[in-house]
Amino acid sequence: MLNQAPHFQNEQVYEDQNVVSEYLHAKYLIPPEQTIINDLADQLPGMSMLDIAVGGGRTTYHFAGRVKNYVGTDYSAKMIEACEERFKGHADNISFKVADMRHLDIFPEHAFDFILISFNAISVLSHEDRLATLKQIRRIGKPGGYFCFSAHNLQWTYNVFSLTGQISWLHPKHTYWNLLKWYALRRHNVGSTIRNRKNMAHAIVNDGAHDFRLEHYYLTPAEQLLQLRDDFTHIRVFARDGHEISNPDEIKNNRDGYLYYLCTIS
């Protein structure tokens, strides 16, 4: 049975030197991140930015040189050590700190104009810790500033846990590999989650990341918007291909593995 509080098990994975090495060499942007960086391009030079769960510095490579002040944090000390090495001799406006996104007391209120948690990093937390983190973001973000993050989409599981969705008589090789993945996903996930996923707002899912060593929090877009409602406004949603989803029906029916959210801090 899956542990409903995955945080500490996941943390061990991110202290693994092989995982750190994998993250250390990444420097790409995925389409929604490129869309958002383009959208904020005129404002970034005047912003103080906090990059939470910075990993090996993938996003540092693109944001640090564009903002007034940049702080990258991660709960993995090894990730922060890797960032310090990667950006050795970096400009004075760039710094890295070990910090857990659930406990950001090292930062004062309203310290940052732009806060980023990229590539589903917030999904390593349990439901309660996730809500606590959103409150932390609200506290340290400047009113009128921006919060950007990505979140796993529970609606993605509607297809991947379905046996019929894996079968294509025209593409037997694809069917073979799809069935292998389907079997592995079924084996690593709680039966009740698989059966009831369409009636759930959120669930803990082992999606196969890092050889099935991680458990992630998945939620519907509707649930994500609800969680943001009290502390954030002007919430925008971006699909994996980078386009903004403005149609409520498209959001409701989207089955991307993850979505990006950009919102204004109240």
C-alpha atoms as a PDB file:
ATOM      1  CA  MET A   1       0.000   0.000   0.000  1.00  0.00           C
ATOM      2  CA  LEU A   2       1.225   3.465  -0.802  1.00  0.00           C
ATOM      3  CA  ASN A   3       2.336   5.782   1.955  1.00  0.00           C
ATOM      4  CA  GLN A   4       0.044   8.819   2.023  1.00  0.00           C
ATOM      5  CA  ALA A   5       2.910  11.101   3.149  1.00  0.00           C
ATOM      6  CA  PRO A   6       5.585  10.558   0.481  1.00  0.00           C
ATOM      7  CA  HIS A   7       7.859  13.470   1.320  1.00  0.00           C
ATOM      8  CA  PHE A   8      10.587  11.715   3.303  1.00  0.00           C
ATOM      9  CA  GLN A   9      10.831   8.702   1.019  1.00  0.00           C
ATOM     10  CA  ASN A  10      11.175  11.033  -1.954  1.00  0.00           C
ATOM     11  CA  GLU A  11      13.868  13.085  -0.234  1.00  0.00           C
ATOM     12  CA  GLN A  12      16.129  10.036  -0.073  1.00  0.00           C
ATOM     13  CA  VAL A  13      15.905   9.685  -3.859  1.00  0.00           C
ATOM     14  CA  TYR A  14      17.053  13.271  -4.390  1.00  0.00           C
ATOM     15  CA  GLU A  15      20.102  12.681  -2.178  1.00  0.00           C
ATOM     16  CA  ASP A  16      21.154   9.805  -4.479  1.00  0.00           C
ATOM     17  CA  GLN A  17      24.360  10.858  -6.241  1.00  0.00           C
ATOM     18  CA  ASN A  18      23.251   9.281  -9.533  1.00  0.00           C
ATOM     19  CA  VAL A  19      20.063  11.358  -9.489  1.00  0.00           C
ATOM     20  CA  VAL A  20      22.035  14.489  -8.594  1.00  0.00           C
ATOM     21  CA  SER A  21      24.397  13.864 -11.519  1.00  0.00           C
ATOM     22  CA  GLU A  22      21.447  13.437 -13.877  1.00  0.00           C
ATOM     23  CA  TYR A  23      19.934  16.761 -12.783  1.00  0.00           C
ATOM     24  CA  LEU A  24      23.282  18.552 -12.836  1.00  0.00           C
ATOM     25  CA  HIS A  25      23.591  18.408 -16.621  1.00  0.00           C
ATOM     26  CA  ALA A  26      20.045  19.507 -17.496  1.00  0.00           C
ATOM     27  CA  LYS A  27      19.648  23.004 -18.926  1.00  0.00           C
ATOM     28  CA  TYR A  28      16.569  22.824 -21.125  1.00  0.00           C
ATOM     29  CA  LEU A  29      13.269  24.635 -20.751  1.00  0.00           C
ATOM     30  CA  ILE A  30      10.023  22.803 -21.435  1.00  0.00           C
ATOM     31  CA  PRO A  31       7.415  24.602 -23.598  1.00  0.00           C
ATOM     32  CA  PRO A  32       5.219  26.086 -20.816  1.00  0.00           C
ATOM     33  CA  GLU A  33       8.307  27.431 -19.058  1.00  0.00           C
ATOM     34  CA  GLN A  34       9.428  29.096 -22.282  1.00  0.00           C
ATOM     35  CA  THR A  35       5.965  30.590 -22.726  1.00  0.00           C
ATOM     36  CA  ILE A  36       6.022  31.995 -19.198  1.00  0.00           C
ATOM     37  CA  ILE A  37       9.561  33.372 -19.396  1.00  0.00           C
ATOM     38  CA  ASN A  38       8.604  35.126 -22.635  1.00  0.00           C
ATOM     39  CA  ASP A  39       5.439  36.486 -21.027  1.00  0.00           C
ATOM     40  CA  LEU A  40       7.330  37.947 -18.052  1.00  0.00           C
ATOM     41  CA  ALA A  41      10.417  39.052 -20.015  1.00  0.00           C
ATOM     42  CA  ASP A  42       9.849  42.787 -19.548  1.00  0.00           C
ATOM     43  CA  GLN A  43       9.293  42.457 -15.799  1.00  0.00           C
ATOM     44  CA  LEU A  44      12.038  39.991 -14.851  1.00  0.00           C
ATOM     45  CA  PRO A  45      14.922  42.537 -14.719  1.00  0.00           C
ATOM     46  CA  GLY A  46      13.279  44.293 -11.768  1.00  0.00           C
ATOM     47  CA  MET A  47      12.359  41.147  -9.849  1.00  0.00           C
ATOM     48  CA  SER A  48      13.746  39.323  -6.838  1.00  0.00           C
ATOM     49  CA  MET A  49      13.235  35.629  -7.620  1.00  0.00           C
ATOM     50  CA  LEU A  50      13.040  32.523  -5.466  1.00  0.00           C
ATOM     51  CA  ASP A  51      13.551  29.257  -7.377  1.00  0.00           C
ATOM     52  CA  ILE A  52      12.318  26.469  -5.091  1.00  0.00           C
ATOM     53  CA  ALA A  53      13.459  22.860  -5.613  1.00  0.00           C
ATOM     54  CA  VAL A  54      16.134  24.093  -7.978  1.00  0.00           C
ATOM     55  CA  GLY A  55      17.656  20.622  -8.355  1.00  0.00           C
ATOM     56  CA  GLY A  56      20.858  20.778 -10.366  1.00  0.00           C
ATOM     57  CA  GLY A  57      20.233  24.305 -11.645  1.00  0.00           C
ATOM     58  CA  ARG A  58      18.268  23.606 -14.810  1.00  0.00           C
ATOM     59  CA  THR A  59      16.147  26.740 -14.406  1.00  0.00           C
ATOM     60  CA  THR A  60      19.007  28.759 -12.889  1.00  0.00           C
ATOM     61  CA  TYR A  61      20.648  28.585 -16.279  1.00  0.00           C
ATOM     62  CA  HIS A  62      17.736  30.531 -17.810  1.00  0.00           C
ATOM     63  CA  PHE A  63      16.417  32.807 -15.051  1.00  0.00           C
ATOM     64  CA  ALA A  64      19.369  33.915 -12.907  1.00  0.00           C
ATOM     65  CA  GLY A  65      20.824  36.241 -15.524  1.00  0.00           C
ATOM     66  CA  ARG A  66      17.450  37.862 -16.216  1.00  0.00           C
ATOM     67  CA  VAL A  67      16.407  38.948 -12.712  1.00  0.00           C
ATOM     68  CA  LYS A  68      17.650  41.544 -10.230  1.00  0.00           C
ATOM     69  CA  ASN A  69      18.249  38.990  -7.469  1.00  0.00           C
ATOM     70  CA  TYR A  70      18.087  35.190  -7.643  1.00  0.00           C
ATOM     71  CA  VAL A  71      17.916  32.648  -4.801  1.00  0.00           C
ATOM     72  CA  GLY A  72      17.781  28.923  -5.552  1.00  0.00           C
ATOM     73  CA  THR A  73      16.736  26.491  -2.822  1.00  0.00           C
ATOM     74  CA  ASP A  74      16.378  22.732  -2.462  1.00  0.00           C
ATOM     75  CA  TYR A  75      15.812  20.367   0.456  1.00  0.00           C
ATOM     76  CA  SER A  76      18.628  18.182  -0.877  1.00  0.00           C
ATOM     77  CA  ALA A  77      21.990  19.395   0.366  1.00  0.00           C
ATOM     78  CA  LYS A  78      23.672  17.444  -2.428  1.00  0.00           C
ATOM     79  CA  MET A  79      21.627  19.292  -5.049  1.00  0.00           C
ATOM     80  CA  ILE A  80      22.668  22.635  -3.572  1.00  0.00           C
ATOM     81  CA  GLU A  81      26.313  21.531  -3.504  1.00  0.00           C
ATOM     82  CA  ALA A  82      25.977  20.597  -7.181  1.00  0.00           C
ATOM     83  CA  CYS A  83      24.513  24.026  -7.991  1.00  0.00           C
ATOM     84  CA  GLU A  84      27.319  25.807  -6.165  1.00  0.00           C
ATOM     85  CA  GLU A  85      29.837  23.824  -8.186  1.00  0.00           C
ATOM     86  CA  ARG A  86      28.008  24.305 -11.469  1.00  0.00           C
ATOM     87  CA  PHE A  87      27.734  28.071 -11.037  1.00  0.00           C
ATOM     88  CA  LYS A  88      31.066  28.592  -9.310  1.00  0.00           C
ATOM     89  CA  GLY A  89      32.132  32.202  -9.619  1.00  0.00           C
ATOM     90  CA  HIS A  90      28.563  33.282 -10.290  1.00  0.00           C
ATOM     91  CA  ALA A  91      27.446  36.894 -10.050  1.00  0.00           C
ATOM     92  CA  ASP A  92      26.814  38.447  -6.625  1.00  0.00           C
ATOM     93  CA  ASN A  93      23.062  38.532  -7.246  1.00  0.00           C
ATOM     94  CA  ILE A  94      22.887  34.704  -7.291  1.00  0.00           C
ATOM     95  CA  SER A  95      22.817  32.534  -4.172  1.00  0.00           C
ATOM     96  CA  PHE A  96      21.822  28.983  -3.207  1.00  0.00           C
ATOM     97  CA  LYS A  97      20.435  27.744   0.102  1.00  0.00           C
ATOM     98  CA  VAL A  98      19.300  24.428   1.565  1.00  0.00           C
ATOM     99  CA  ALA A  99      15.635  24.925   2.447  1.00  0.00           C
ATOM    100  CA  ASP A 100      12.469  22.856   2.647  1.00  0.00           C
ATOM    101  CA  MET A 101       9.551  24.445   0.783  1.00  0.00           C
ATOM    102  CA  ARG A 102       7.234  23.595   3.684  1.00  0.00           C
ATOM    103  CA  HIS A 103       9.331  25.689   6.090  1.00  0.00           C
ATOM    104  CA  LEU A 104      10.606  28.914   4.573  1.00  0.00           C
ATOM    105  CA  ASP A 105      11.100  30.861   7.789  1.00  0.00           C
ATOM    106  CA  ILE A 106      14.593  31.859   6.656  1.00  0.00           C
ATOM    107  CA  PHE A 107      12.861  34.390   4.392  1.00  0.00           C
ATOM    108  CA  PRO A 108      10.931  37.443   5.636  1.00  0.00           C
ATOM    109  CA  GLU A 109       7.417  38.345   4.542  1.00  0.00           C
ATOM    110  CA  HIS A 110       6.977  39.752   1.040  1.00  0.00           C
ATOM    111  CA  ALA A 111      10.586  39.062   0.063  1.00  0.00           C
ATOM    112  CA  PHE A 112      10.111  37.954  -3.556  1.00  0.00           C
ATOM    113  CA  ASP A 113       8.471  39.294  -6.693  1.00  0.00           C
ATOM    114  CA  PHE A 114       8.554  35.933  -8.476  1.00  0.00           C
ATOM    115  CA  ILE A 115       8.500  32.450  -6.966  1.00  0.00           C
ATOM    116  CA  LEU A 116       8.974  29.361  -9.124  1.00  0.00           C
ATOM    117  CA  ILE A 117       8.525  25.669  -8.322  1.00  0.00           C
ATOM    118  CA  SER A 118       9.192  23.969 -11.634  1.00  0.00           C
ATOM    119  CA  PHE A 119       8.622  20.524 -13.086  1.00  0.00           C
ATOM    120  CA  ASN A 120       6.161  19.189 -10.491  1.00  0.00           C
ATOM    121  CA  ALA A 121       8.486  19.517  -7.511  1.00  0.00           C
ATOM    122  CA  ILE A 122       5.559  20.472  -5.286  1.00  0.00           C
ATOM    123  CA  SER A 123       4.105  17.043  -6.065  1.00  0.00           C
ATOM    124  CA  VAL A 124       6.602  15.300  -3.761  1.00  0.00           C
ATOM    125  CA  LEU A 125       4.544  16.543  -0.811  1.00  0.00           C
ATOM    126  CA  SER A 126       1.489  15.107   0.897  1.00  0.00           C
ATOM    127  CA  HIS A 127      -1.852  16.908   0.695  1.00  0.00           C
ATOM    128  CA  GLU A 128      -1.415  18.662   4.039  1.00  0.00           C
ATOM    129  CA  ASP A 129       2.177  19.682   3.327  1.00  0.00           C
ATOM    130  CA  ARG A 130       1.172  20.993  -0.083  1.00  0.00           C
ATOM    131  CA  LEU A 131      -1.450  23.285   1.443  1.00  0.00           C
ATOM    132  CA  ALA A 132       1.058  24.464   4.044  1.00  0.00           C
ATOM    133  CA  THR A 133       3.558  25.233   1.284  1.00  0.00           C
ATOM    134  CA  LEU A 134       1.041  27.353  -0.595  1.00  0.00           C
ATOM    135  CA  LYS A 135       0.585  29.410   2.590  1.00  0.00           C
ATOM    136  CA  GLN A 136       4.359  29.824   2.830  1.00  0.00           C
ATOM    137  CA  ILE A 137       4.463  31.065  -0.747  1.00  0.00           C
ATOM    138  CA  ARG A 138       1.729  33.564   0.026  1.00  0.00           C
ATOM    139  CA  ARG A 139       3.675  34.820   3.052  1.00  0.00           C
ATOM    140  CA  ILE A 140       7.038  35.390   1.388  1.00  0.00           C
ATOM    141  CA  GLY A 141       5.679  36.596  -1.949  1.00  0.00           C
ATOM    142  CA  LYS A 142       5.035  40.267  -2.560  1.00  0.00           C
ATOM    143  CA  PRO A 143       1.390  41.199  -3.123  1.00  0.00           C
ATOM    144  CA  GLY A 144       1.008  41.624  -6.850  1.00  0.00           C
ATOM    145  CA  GLY A 145       3.997  39.375  -7.513  1.00  0.00           C
ATOM    146  CA  TYR A 146       3.902  36.060  -9.352  1.00  0.00           C
ATOM    147  CA  PHE A 147       3.868  32.417  -8.360  1.00  0.00           C
ATOM    148  CA  CYS A 148       4.536  29.825 -11.066  1.00  0.00           C
ATOM    149  CA  PHE A 149       4.544  26.057 -10.603  1.00  0.00           C
ATOM    150  CA  SER A 150       3.646  22.828 -12.308  1.00  0.00           C
ATOM    151  CA  ALA A 151       1.478  20.039 -10.925  1.00  0.00           C
ATOM    152  CA  HIS A 152       0.742  16.467 -11.889  1.00  0.00           C
ATOM    153  CA  ASN A 153      -2.664  16.058 -13.496  1.00  0.00           C
ATOM    154  CA  LEU A 154      -4.801  13.254 -12.039  1.00  0.00           C
ATOM    155  CA  GLN A 155      -6.776  13.140 -15.283  1.00  0.00           C
ATOM    156  CA  TRP A 156      -3.689  11.702 -16.991  1.00  0.00           C
ATOM    157  CA  THR A 157      -4.209   8.503 -15.025  1.00  0.00           C
ATOM    158  CA  TYR A 158      -7.632   7.958 -16.599  1.00  0.00           C
ATOM    159  CA  ASN A 159      -5.840   6.657 -19.682  1.00  0.00           C
ATOM    160  CA  VAL A 160      -2.696   5.049 -18.314  1.00  0.00           C
ATOM    161  CA  PHE A 161      -4.532   2.838 -15.806  1.00  0.00           C
ATOM    162  CA  SER A 162      -7.027   1.704 -18.455  1.00  0.00           C
ATOM    163  CA  LEU A 163      -6.198  -1.570 -20.186  1.00  0.00           C
ATOM    164  CA  THR A 164      -8.150  -0.755 -23.336  1.00  0.00           C
ATOM    165  CA  GLY A 165      -6.261   2.522 -23.674  1.00  0.00           C
ATOM    166  CA  GLN A 166      -2.995   0.611 -24.161  1.00  0.00           C
ATOM    167  CA  ILE A 167      -4.080  -1.518 -27.110  1.00  0.00           C
ATOM    168  CA  SER A 168      -3.638  -0.545 -30.750  1.00  0.00           C
ATOM    169  CA  TRP A 169      -4.085  -3.336 -33.273  1.00  0.00           C
ATOM    170  CA  LEU A 170      -2.320  -1.215 -35.897  1.00  0.00           C
ATOM    171  CA  HIS A 171       0.810  -0.750 -33.771  1.00  0.00           C
ATOM    172  CA  PRO A 172       1.677  -4.045 -32.032  1.00  0.00           C
ATOM    173  CA  LYS A 173       5.118  -2.869 -30.840  1.00  0.00           C
ATOM    174  CA  HIS A 174       3.593   0.192 -29.196  1.00  0.00           C
ATOM    175  CA  THR A 175       0.944  -2.045 -27.657  1.00  0.00           C
ATOM    176  CA  TYR A 176       3.619  -4.339 -26.238  1.00  0.00           C
ATOM    177  CA  TRP A 177       5.526  -1.519 -24.519  1.00  0.00           C
ATOM    178  CA  ASN A 178       2.324   0.156 -23.375  1.00  0.00           C
ATOM    179  CA  LEU A 179       1.181  -3.072 -21.746  1.00  0.00           C
ATOM    180  CA  LEU A 180       4.505  -3.498 -19.952  1.00  0.00           C
ATOM    181  CA  LYS A 181       4.207   0.005 -18.523  1.00  0.00           C
ATOM    182  CA  TRP A 182       0.533  -0.536 -17.678  1.00  0.00           C
ATOM    183  CA  TYR A 183       1.383  -3.680 -15.745  1.00  0.00           C
ATOM    184  CA  ALA A 184       4.188  -1.950 -13.835  1.00  0.00           C
ATOM    185  CA  LEU A 185       1.944   0.993 -12.935  1.00  0.00           C
ATOM    186  CA  ARG A 186      -0.807  -1.328 -11.730  1.00  0.00           C
ATOM    187  CA  ARG A 187       1.688  -3.306  -9.648  1.00  0.00           C
ATOM    188  CA  HIS A 188       3.089  -0.208  -7.918  1.00  0.00           C
ATOM    189  CA  ASN A 189      -0.202   1.527  -7.114  1.00  0.00           C
ATOM    190  CA  VAL A 190      -2.983   0.925  -4.629  1.00  0.00           C
ATOM    191  CA  GLY A 191      -5.974  -0.881  -6.128  1.00  0.00           C
ATOM    192  CA  SER A 192      -8.463   1.524  -4.581  1.00  0.00           C
ATOM    193  CA  THR A 193      -6.732   4.467  -6.271  1.00  0.00           C
ATOM    194  CA  ILE A 194      -6.845   2.743  -9.637  1.00  0.00           C
ATOM    195  CA  ARG A 195     -10.526   1.824  -9.299  1.00  0.00           C
ATOM    196  CA  ASN A 196     -11.752   5.137  -7.898  1.00  0.00           C
ATOM    197  CA  ARG A 197      -9.484   7.620  -9.685  1.00  0.00           C
ATOM    198  CA  LYS A 198     -12.342   9.273 -11.627  1.00  0.00           C
ATOM    199  CA  ASN A 199     -14.140  10.069  -8.373  1.00  0.00           C
ATOM    200  CA  MET A 200     -11.083  11.480  -6.592  1.00  0.00           C
ATOM    201  CA  ALA A 201      -9.877  15.080  -6.443  1.00  0.00           C
ATOM    202  CA  HIS A 202      -6.322  14.035  -5.547  1.00  0.00           C
ATOM    203  CA  ALA A 203      -4.316  10.863  -5.002  1.00  0.00           C
ATOM    204  CA  ILE A 204      -0.806   9.578  -4.361  1.00  0.00           C
ATOM    205  CA  VAL A 205       0.503   7.864  -7.523  1.00  0.00           C
ATOM    206  CA  ASN A 206       3.723   6.004  -8.248  1.00  0.00           C
ATOM    207  CA  ASP A 207       4.163   7.043 -11.870  1.00  0.00           C
ATOM    208  CA  GLY A 208       7.430   5.224 -12.564  1.00  0.00           C
ATOM    209  CA  ALA A 209       9.796   8.159 -12.057  1.00  0.00           C
ATOM    210  CA  HIS A 210      13.365   7.163 -11.162  1.00  0.00           C
ATOM    211  CA  ASP A 211      12.622   3.446 -11.497  1.00  0.00           C
ATOM    212  CA  PHE A 212       9.396   3.606  -9.476  1.00  0.00           C
ATOM    213  CA  ARG A 213      11.172   5.028  -6.435  1.00  0.00           C
ATOM    214  CA  LEU A 214       8.996   8.156  -6.163  1.00  0.00           C
ATOM    215  CA  GLU A 215       5.431   8.720  -5.055  1.00  0.00           C
ATOM    216  CA  HIS A 216       3.737  11.835  -6.380  1.00  0.00           C
ATOM    217  CA  TYR A 217       0.661  13.822  -5.481  1.00  0.00           C
ATOM    218  CA  TYR A 218      -1.721  14.048  -8.448  1.00  0.00           C
ATOM    219  CA  LEU A 219      -4.810  16.253  -8.538  1.00  0.00           C
ATOM    220  CA  THR A 220      -7.456  17.412 -10.973  1.00  0.00           C
ATOM    221  CA  PRO A 221      -7.125  20.922 -12.422  1.00  0.00           C
ATOM    222  CA  ALA A 222     -10.389  21.828 -10.688  1.00  0.00           C
ATOM    223  CA  GLU A 223      -8.919  20.829  -7.322  1.00  0.00           C
ATOM    224  CA  GLN A 224      -5.743  22.791  -8.030  1.00  0.00           C
ATOM    225  CA  LEU A 225      -7.713  25.936  -8.842  1.00  0.00           C
ATOM    226  CA  LEU A 226      -9.686  25.457  -5.634  1.00  0.00           C
ATOM    227  CA  GLN A 227      -6.498  25.203  -3.553  1.00  0.00           C
ATOM    228  CA  LEU A 228      -5.223  28.470  -5.026  1.00  0.00           C
ATOM    229  CA  ARG A 229      -8.451  30.422  -4.670  1.00  0.00           C
ATOM    230  CA  ASP A 230      -7.897  32.018  -1.241  1.00  0.00           C
ATOM    231  CA  ASP A 231      -4.337  33.303  -1.674  1.00  0.00           C
ATOM    232  CA  PHE A 232      -3.836  33.837  -5.410  1.00  0.00           C
ATOM    233  CA  THR A 233      -5.671  35.586  -8.231  1.00  0.00           C
ATOM    234  CA  HIS A 234      -5.550  35.825 -12.034  1.00  0.00           C
ATOM    235  CA  ILE A 235      -4.715  32.120 -12.299  1.00  0.00           C
ATOM    236  CA  ARG A 236      -3.578  31.063 -15.755  1.00  0.00           C
ATOM    237  CA  VAL A 237      -3.138  27.456 -16.886  1.00  0.00           C
ATOM    238  CA  PHE A 238      -0.649  26.203 -19.492  1.00  0.00           C
ATOM    239  CA  ALA A 239      -0.610  22.851 -21.272  1.00  0.00           C
ATOM    240  CA  ARG A 240       2.491  20.719 -21.832  1.00  0.00           C
ATOM    241  CA  ASP A 241       2.892  22.075 -25.362  1.00  0.00           C
ATOM    242  CA  GLY A 242       3.108  25.605 -23.944  1.00  0.00           C
ATOM    243  CA  HIS A 243      -0.235  27.053 -25.000  1.00  0.00           C
ATOM    244  CA  GLU A 244      -2.450  28.785 -22.463  1.00  0.00           C
ATOM    245  CA  ILE A 245      -5.692  26.961 -21.707  1.00  0.00           C
ATOM    246  CA  SER A 246      -8.415  29.568 -21.342  1.00  0.00           C
ATOM    247  CA  ASN A 247     -11.448  27.417 -22.136  1.00  0.00           C
ATOM    248  CA  PRO A 248     -12.925  25.820 -18.957  1.00  0.00           C
ATOM    249  CA  ASP A 249     -14.001  22.738 -20.904  1.00  0.00           C
ATOM    250  CA  GLU A 250     -10.450  22.252 -22.198  1.00  0.00           C
ATOM    251  CA  ILE A 251      -9.103  22.461 -18.653  1.00  0.00           C
ATOM    252  CA  LYS A 252     -11.748  20.014 -17.437  1.00  0.00           C
ATOM    253  CA  ASN A 253     -10.927  17.493 -20.153  1.00  0.00           C
ATOM    254  CA  ASN A 254      -7.148  17.942 -20.322  1.00  0.00           C
ATOM    255  CA  ARG A 255      -5.180  14.720 -19.810  1.00  0.00           C
ATOM    256  CA  ASP A 256      -1.611  15.984 -19.977  1.00  0.00           C
ATOM    257  CA  GLY A 257       0.665  14.433 -17.381  1.00  0.00           C
ATOM    258  CA  TYR A 258       1.162  17.847 -15.814  1.00  0.00           C
ATOM    259  CA  LEU A 259       0.016  21.453 -16.179  1.00  0.00           C
ATOM    260  CA  TYR A 260       1.722  24.746 -15.383  1.00  0.00           C
ATOM    261  CA  TYR A 261       0.003  27.454 -13.338  1.00  0.00           C
ATOM    262  CA  LEU A 262       0.928  31.142 -13.233  1.00  0.00           C
ATOM    263  CA  CYS A 263      -0.903  33.282 -10.698  1.00  0.00           C
ATOM    264  CA  THR A 264      -0.745  36.616  -8.932  1.00  0.00           C
ATOM    265  CA  ILE A 265      -0.042  36.713  -5.200  1.00  0.00           C
ATOM    266  CA  SER A 266      -2.853  38.392  -3.251  1.00  0.00           C
END
